[in-house]
């Protein structure tokens, strides 16, 4: 993966994905720096809008998996 910014393009290396209360966190490295992305349920609308119809099936699958994990953990 690559992160583009006004100061250049940097590789993004994902290290860990964790489920928190109400969000999914993707941790990794952008070049030499640690980076973290937190996705909340409300972000799904923006992501779907940006990705278009190609994202509908994978997004629905991700929501189903996360909902299943939440129910299994007893938080549902």
C-alpha atoms as a PDB file:
ATOM      1  CA  UNK A   1       0.000   0.000   0.000  1.00  0.00           C
ATOM      2  CA  UNK A   2       1.053   3.555  -0.511  1.00  0.00           C
ATOM      3  CA  UNK A   3       0.227   6.829   1.238  1.00  0.00           C
ATOM      4  CA  UNK A   4       0.570   9.942  -0.903  1.00  0.00           C
ATOM      5  CA  UNK A   5       1.027  13.343   0.694  1.00  0.00           C
ATOM      6  CA  UNK A   6       2.311  16.784  -0.270  1.00  0.00           C
ATOM      7  CA  UNK A   7       5.750  15.787   1.047  1.00  0.00           C
ATOM      8  CA  UNK A   8       5.987  12.555  -0.929  1.00  0.00           C
ATOM      9  CA  UNK A   9       4.791   8.990  -1.350  1.00  0.00           C
ATOM     10  CA  UNK A  10       5.430   6.527   1.452  1.00  0.00           C
ATOM     11  CA  UNK A  11       4.840   2.794   1.758  1.00  0.00           C
ATOM     12  CA  UNK A  12       2.211   1.744   4.307  1.00  0.00           C
ATOM     13  CA  UNK A  13       2.944  -1.544   6.030  1.00  0.00           C
ATOM     14  CA  UNK A  14      -0.037  -2.928   7.958  1.00  0.00           C
ATOM     15  CA  UNK A  15       0.978  -4.578  11.235  1.00  0.00           C
ATOM     16  CA  UNK A  16      -2.222  -5.274  13.180  1.00  0.00           C
ATOM     17  CA  UNK A  17      -6.007  -5.032  12.971  1.00  0.00           C
ATOM     18  CA  UNK A  18      -7.934  -4.840  16.233  1.00  0.00           C
ATOM     19  CA  UNK A  19     -11.623  -4.605  17.119  1.00  0.00           C
ATOM     20  CA  UNK A  20     -12.513  -2.036  19.741  1.00  0.00           C
ATOM     21  CA  UNK A  21     -15.832  -0.886  21.120  1.00  0.00           C
ATOM     22  CA  UNK A  22     -17.503   0.704  18.122  1.00  0.00           C
ATOM     23  CA  UNK A  23     -14.499   0.764  15.796  1.00  0.00           C
ATOM     24  CA  UNK A  24     -11.892  -1.231  13.884  1.00  0.00           C
ATOM     25  CA  UNK A  25      -8.286  -0.064  14.168  1.00  0.00           C
ATOM     26  CA  UNK A  26      -5.644  -0.670  11.515  1.00  0.00           C
ATOM     27  CA  UNK A  27      -2.130  -0.127  12.871  1.00  0.00           C
ATOM     28  CA  UNK A  28       0.968   0.001  10.741  1.00  0.00           C
ATOM     29  CA  UNK A  29       3.930   2.037   9.561  1.00  0.00           C
ATOM     30  CA  UNK A  30       4.089   4.839   7.024  1.00  0.00           C
ATOM     31  CA  UNK A  31       7.738   4.860   6.107  1.00  0.00           C
ATOM     32  CA  UNK A  32       9.527   5.016   9.456  1.00  0.00           C
ATOM     33  CA  UNK A  33       6.569   6.434  11.403  1.00  0.00           C
ATOM     34  CA  UNK A  34       3.866   4.526  13.259  1.00  0.00           C
ATOM     35  CA  UNK A  35       0.372   5.124  11.902  1.00  0.00           C
ATOM     36  CA  UNK A  36      -3.151   4.241  12.974  1.00  0.00           C
ATOM     37  CA  UNK A  37      -6.489   4.361  11.162  1.00  0.00           C
ATOM     38  CA  UNK A  38      -9.711   4.001  13.158  1.00  0.00           C
ATOM     39  CA  UNK A  39     -12.880   3.124  11.253  1.00  0.00           C
ATOM     40  CA  UNK A  40     -16.273   3.615  12.869  1.00  0.00           C
ATOM     41  CA  UNK A  41     -19.620   2.384  11.524  1.00  0.00           C
ATOM     42  CA  UNK A  42     -20.460   5.881  10.245  1.00  0.00           C
ATOM     43  CA  UNK A  43     -17.332   5.729   8.042  1.00  0.00           C
ATOM     44  CA  UNK A  44     -18.911   2.930   5.986  1.00  0.00           C
ATOM     45  CA  UNK A  45     -21.130   5.419   4.153  1.00  0.00           C
ATOM     46  CA  UNK A  46     -18.155   7.541   3.095  1.00  0.00           C
ATOM     47  CA  UNK A  47     -16.141   4.488   2.041  1.00  0.00           C
ATOM     48  CA  UNK A  48     -19.010   3.068   0.011  1.00  0.00           C
ATOM     49  CA  UNK A  49     -19.618   6.417  -1.647  1.00  0.00           C
ATOM     50  CA  UNK A  50     -15.926   6.718  -2.569  1.00  0.00           C
ATOM     51  CA  UNK A  51     -15.610   3.111  -3.800  1.00  0.00           C
ATOM     52  CA  UNK A  52     -18.892   2.949  -5.680  1.00  0.00           C
ATOM     53  CA  UNK A  53     -20.785  -0.248  -6.369  1.00  0.00           C
ATOM     54  CA  UNK A  54     -17.626  -2.379  -6.443  1.00  0.00           C
ATOM     55  CA  UNK A  55     -17.467  -2.109  -2.662  1.00  0.00           C
ATOM     56  CA  UNK A  56     -21.038  -3.118  -1.852  1.00  0.00           C
ATOM     57  CA  UNK A  57     -20.552  -6.894  -1.598  1.00  0.00           C
ATOM     58  CA  UNK A  58     -17.217  -6.825   0.303  1.00  0.00           C
ATOM     59  CA  UNK A  59     -18.548  -4.095   2.605  1.00  0.00           C
ATOM     60  CA  UNK A  60     -21.676  -6.079   3.412  1.00  0.00           C
ATOM     61  CA  UNK A  61     -19.525  -9.145   4.061  1.00  0.00           C
ATOM     62  CA  UNK A  62     -17.274  -7.134   6.403  1.00  0.00           C
ATOM     63  CA  UNK A  63     -20.282  -5.796   8.300  1.00  0.00           C
ATOM     64  CA  UNK A  64     -21.664  -9.331   8.651  1.00  0.00           C
ATOM     65  CA  UNK A  65     -18.330 -10.648   9.945  1.00  0.00           C
ATOM     66  CA  UNK A  66     -17.953  -7.794  12.434  1.00  0.00           C
ATOM     67  CA  UNK A  67     -21.529  -8.243  13.632  1.00  0.00           C
ATOM     68  CA  UNK A  68     -20.895 -11.965  14.077  1.00  0.00           C
ATOM     69  CA  UNK A  69     -17.715 -11.321  16.042  1.00  0.00           C
ATOM     70  CA  UNK A  70     -19.540  -8.822  18.224  1.00  0.00           C
ATOM     71  CA  UNK A  71     -22.309 -11.335  18.952  1.00  0.00           C
ATOM     72  CA  UNK A  72     -19.787 -14.092  19.725  1.00  0.00           C
ATOM     73  CA  UNK A  73     -17.930 -11.833  22.158  1.00  0.00           C
ATOM     74  CA  UNK A  74     -21.165 -11.186  24.052  1.00  0.00           C
ATOM     75  CA  UNK A  75     -21.276  -7.461  23.265  1.00  0.00           C
ATOM     76  CA  UNK A  76     -24.223  -7.682  20.845  1.00  0.00           C
END
